[in-house]
Amino acid sequence: MTDLPPDLPRLRTLETWLVVSLDRVRQQIAATEQREREQRTGEDRRPPVPDWVLELGIGVGAPPAEVHVGGCYAAGGRRRAITREQALAALTEGVRACVHCRPDTALGML
């Protein structure tokens, strides 16, 4: 006993539908694999998170806004990586320390 149609035309129609469906599944698999490869490549090429970040002020010549620990979620878009010594110097010169990541504490200033 089978639940397939008994006649050849309907079996051919079913076969065609299955081939088309299988092709769509294979295309989706290929697209998903490609996206995953691209994502892995992007993650591999992403630069490392800096240890310290200086958030820059708005406008040309504006003073820096805040010092952050690298990877701080509160750091704005205008920022640049700095060294530990530069972070210490900026905090010593009066640049505000981020209240979320507390770079002054991480640097041993408090």
C-alpha atoms as a PDB file:
ATOM      1  CA  MET A   1       0.000   0.000   0.000  1.00  0.00           C
ATOM      2  CA  THR A   2       1.228   3.436  -0.896  1.00  0.00           C
ATOM      3  CA  ASP A   3      -0.208   6.899  -0.542  1.00  0.00           C
ATOM      4  CA  LEU A   4       1.268   8.023  -3.857  1.00  0.00           C
ATOM      5  CA  PRO A   5      -0.911   8.532  -6.917  1.00  0.00           C
ATOM      6  CA  PRO A   6      -1.248   5.403  -9.078  1.00  0.00           C
ATOM      7  CA  ASP A   7      -1.002   7.097 -12.499  1.00  0.00           C
ATOM      8  CA  LEU A   8       2.121   8.296 -14.306  1.00  0.00           C
ATOM      9  CA  PRO A   9       1.045  11.943 -15.024  1.00  0.00           C
ATOM     10  CA  ARG A  10       0.421  12.689 -11.375  1.00  0.00           C
ATOM     11  CA  LEU A  11       3.618  10.892 -10.342  1.00  0.00           C
ATOM     12  CA  ARG A  12       5.579  13.041 -12.857  1.00  0.00           C
ATOM     13  CA  THR A  13       3.925  16.179 -11.468  1.00  0.00           C
ATOM     14  CA  LEU A  14       4.873  15.151  -7.954  1.00  0.00           C
ATOM     15  CA  GLU A  15       8.426  14.416  -9.086  1.00  0.00           C
ATOM     16  CA  THR A  16       8.712  17.870 -10.685  1.00  0.00           C
ATOM     17  CA  TRP A  17       7.402  19.554  -7.548  1.00  0.00           C
ATOM     18  CA  LEU A  18       9.899  17.632  -5.397  1.00  0.00           C
ATOM     19  CA  VAL A  19      12.828  18.524  -7.678  1.00  0.00           C
ATOM     20  CA  VAL A  20      11.859  22.220  -7.612  1.00  0.00           C
ATOM     21  CA  SER A  21      11.432  22.115  -3.831  1.00  0.00           C
ATOM     22  CA  LEU A  22      14.771  20.375  -3.353  1.00  0.00           C
ATOM     23  CA  ASP A  23      16.451  22.979  -5.579  1.00  0.00           C
ATOM     24  CA  ARG A  24      14.965  25.813  -3.485  1.00  0.00           C
ATOM     25  CA  VAL A  25      16.166  24.135  -0.272  1.00  0.00           C
ATOM     26  CA  ARG A  26      19.678  23.720  -1.703  1.00  0.00           C
ATOM     27  CA  GLN A  27      19.739  27.385  -2.787  1.00  0.00           C
ATOM     28  CA  GLN A  28      18.709  28.458   0.705  1.00  0.00           C
ATOM     29  CA  ILE A  29      21.395  26.245   2.244  1.00  0.00           C
ATOM     30  CA  ALA A  30      24.027  27.763  -0.067  1.00  0.00           C
ATOM     31  CA  ALA A  31      22.895  31.317   0.771  1.00  0.00           C
ATOM     32  CA  THR A  32      22.943  30.590   4.505  1.00  0.00           C
ATOM     33  CA  GLU A  33      26.404  29.018   4.297  1.00  0.00           C
ATOM     34  CA  GLN A  34      27.647  32.072   2.362  1.00  0.00           C
ATOM     35  CA  ARG A  35      26.252  34.467   5.001  1.00  0.00           C
ATOM     36  CA  GLU A  36      27.904  32.446   7.776  1.00  0.00           C
ATOM     37  CA  ARG A  37      31.249  32.458   5.921  1.00  0.00           C
ATOM     38  CA  GLU A  38      31.027  36.234   5.456  1.00  0.00           C
ATOM     39  CA  GLN A  39      30.145  36.716   9.117  1.00  0.00           C
ATOM     40  CA  ARG A  40      33.119  34.600  10.241  1.00  0.00           C
ATOM     41  CA  THR A  41      35.418  36.500   7.880  1.00  0.00           C
ATOM     42  CA  GLY A  42      34.152  39.812   9.246  1.00  0.00           C
ATOM     43  CA  GLU A  43      34.714  38.673  12.818  1.00  0.00           C
ATOM     44  CA  ASP A  44      38.217  37.453  11.972  1.00  0.00           C
ATOM     45  CA  ARG A  45      39.115  40.780  10.335  1.00  0.00           C
ATOM     46  CA  ARG A  46      37.570  43.014  13.011  1.00  0.00           C
ATOM     47  CA  PRO A  47      40.266  45.027  14.764  1.00  0.00           C
ATOM     48  CA  PRO A  48      40.827  44.254  18.425  1.00  0.00           C
ATOM     49  CA  VAL A  49      39.064  46.355  21.051  1.00  0.00           C
ATOM     50  CA  PRO A  50      41.482  49.017  22.326  1.00  0.00           C
ATOM     51  CA  ASP A  51      42.349  49.119  26.012  1.00  0.00           C
ATOM     52  CA  TRP A  52      41.489  52.828  26.315  1.00  0.00           C
ATOM     53  CA  VAL A  53      39.319  55.177  24.267  1.00  0.00           C
ATOM     54  CA  LEU A  54      39.171  58.957  24.093  1.00  0.00           C
ATOM     55  CA  GLU A  55      35.745  60.288  23.138  1.00  0.00           C
ATOM     56  CA  LEU A  56      36.218  63.412  21.062  1.00  0.00           C
ATOM     57  CA  GLY A  57      34.247  66.622  21.348  1.00  0.00           C
ATOM     58  CA  ILE A  58      32.039  67.983  18.572  1.00  0.00           C
ATOM     59  CA  GLY A  59      33.656  70.349  16.079  1.00  0.00           C
ATOM     60  CA  VAL A  60      37.169  71.127  14.951  1.00  0.00           C
ATOM     61  CA  GLY A  61      39.431  71.925  17.867  1.00  0.00           C
ATOM     62  CA  ALA A  62      36.877  70.939  20.495  1.00  0.00           C
ATOM     63  CA  PRO A  63      38.375  69.453  23.658  1.00  0.00           C
ATOM     64  CA  PRO A  64      38.011  65.727  24.312  1.00  0.00           C
ATOM     65  CA  ALA A  65      34.776  64.781  26.060  1.00  0.00           C
ATOM     66  CA  GLU A  66      35.551  61.636  28.064  1.00  0.00           C
ATOM     67  CA  VAL A  67      38.007  58.828  28.652  1.00  0.00           C
ATOM     68  CA  HIS A  68      36.607  55.287  28.474  1.00  0.00           C
ATOM     69  CA  VAL A  69      37.826  51.767  29.049  1.00  0.00           C
ATOM     70  CA  GLY A  70      37.971  50.006  25.674  1.00  0.00           C
ATOM     71  CA  GLY A  71      34.661  48.352  24.789  1.00  0.00           C
ATOM     72  CA  CYS A  72      32.569  50.687  26.954  1.00  0.00           C
ATOM     73  CA  TYR A  73      28.994  50.748  25.682  1.00  0.00           C
ATOM     74  CA  ALA A  74      28.650  54.440  26.549  1.00  0.00           C
ATOM     75  CA  ALA A  75      31.492  55.652  24.316  1.00  0.00           C
ATOM     76  CA  GLY A  76      30.125  57.808  21.530  1.00  0.00           C
ATOM     77  CA  GLY A  77      30.832  57.480  17.830  1.00  0.00           C
ATOM     78  CA  ARG A  78      33.561  60.142  17.759  1.00  0.00           C
ATOM     79  CA  ARG A  79      36.401  58.321  19.449  1.00  0.00           C
ATOM     80  CA  ARG A  80      39.928  57.126  19.017  1.00  0.00           C
ATOM     81  CA  ALA A  81      42.088  54.515  20.659  1.00  0.00           C
ATOM     82  CA  ILE A  82      44.717  55.779  23.080  1.00  0.00           C
ATOM     83  CA  THR A  83      47.473  54.226  25.174  1.00  0.00           C
ATOM     84  CA  ARG A  84      47.409  53.813  28.926  1.00  0.00           C
ATOM     85  CA  GLU A  85      49.791  56.760  29.297  1.00  0.00           C
ATOM     86  CA  GLN A  86      47.589  58.965  27.118  1.00  0.00           C
ATOM     87  CA  ALA A  87      44.536  57.983  29.169  1.00  0.00           C
ATOM     88  CA  LEU A  88      46.336  58.858  32.409  1.00  0.00           C
ATOM     89  CA  ALA A  89      47.492  62.176  30.944  1.00  0.00           C
ATOM     90  CA  ALA A  90      44.003  63.064  29.714  1.00  0.00           C
ATOM     91  CA  LEU A  91      42.436  62.328  33.100  1.00  0.00           C
ATOM     92  CA  THR A  92      45.188  64.283  34.846  1.00  0.00           C
ATOM     93  CA  GLU A  93      44.541  67.235  32.518  1.00  0.00           C
ATOM     94  CA  GLY A  94      40.870  67.283  33.502  1.00  0.00           C
ATOM     95  CA  VAL A  95      39.151  65.222  30.826  1.00  0.00           C
ATOM     96  CA  ARG A  96      36.102  63.626  32.432  1.00  0.00           C
ATOM     97  CA  ALA A  97      36.155  59.899  33.254  1.00  0.00           C
ATOM     98  CA  CYS A  98      33.159  57.893  32.055  1.00  0.00           C
ATOM     99  CA  VAL A  99      30.807  57.186  34.958  1.00  0.00           C
ATOM    100  CA  HIS A 100      29.849  53.813  33.470  1.00  0.00           C
ATOM    101  CA  CYS A 101      33.191  52.118  32.859  1.00  0.00           C
ATOM    102  CA  ARG A 102      35.245  54.131  35.407  1.00  0.00           C
ATOM    103  CA  PRO A 103      38.628  54.329  33.632  1.00  0.00           C
ATOM    104  CA  ASP A 104      40.055  56.334  36.542  1.00  0.00           C
ATOM    105  CA  THR A 105      39.462  53.357  38.819  1.00  0.00           C
ATOM    106  CA  ALA A 106      40.796  50.893  36.219  1.00  0.00           C
ATOM    107  CA  LEU A 107      43.941  53.023  35.887  1.00  0.00           C
ATOM    108  CA  GLY A 108      44.428  53.075  39.661  1.00  0.00           C
ATOM    109  CA  MET A 109      43.829  56.811  40.070  1.00  0.00           C
ATOM    110  CA  LEU A 110      41.181  56.383  42.784  1.00  0.00           C
END
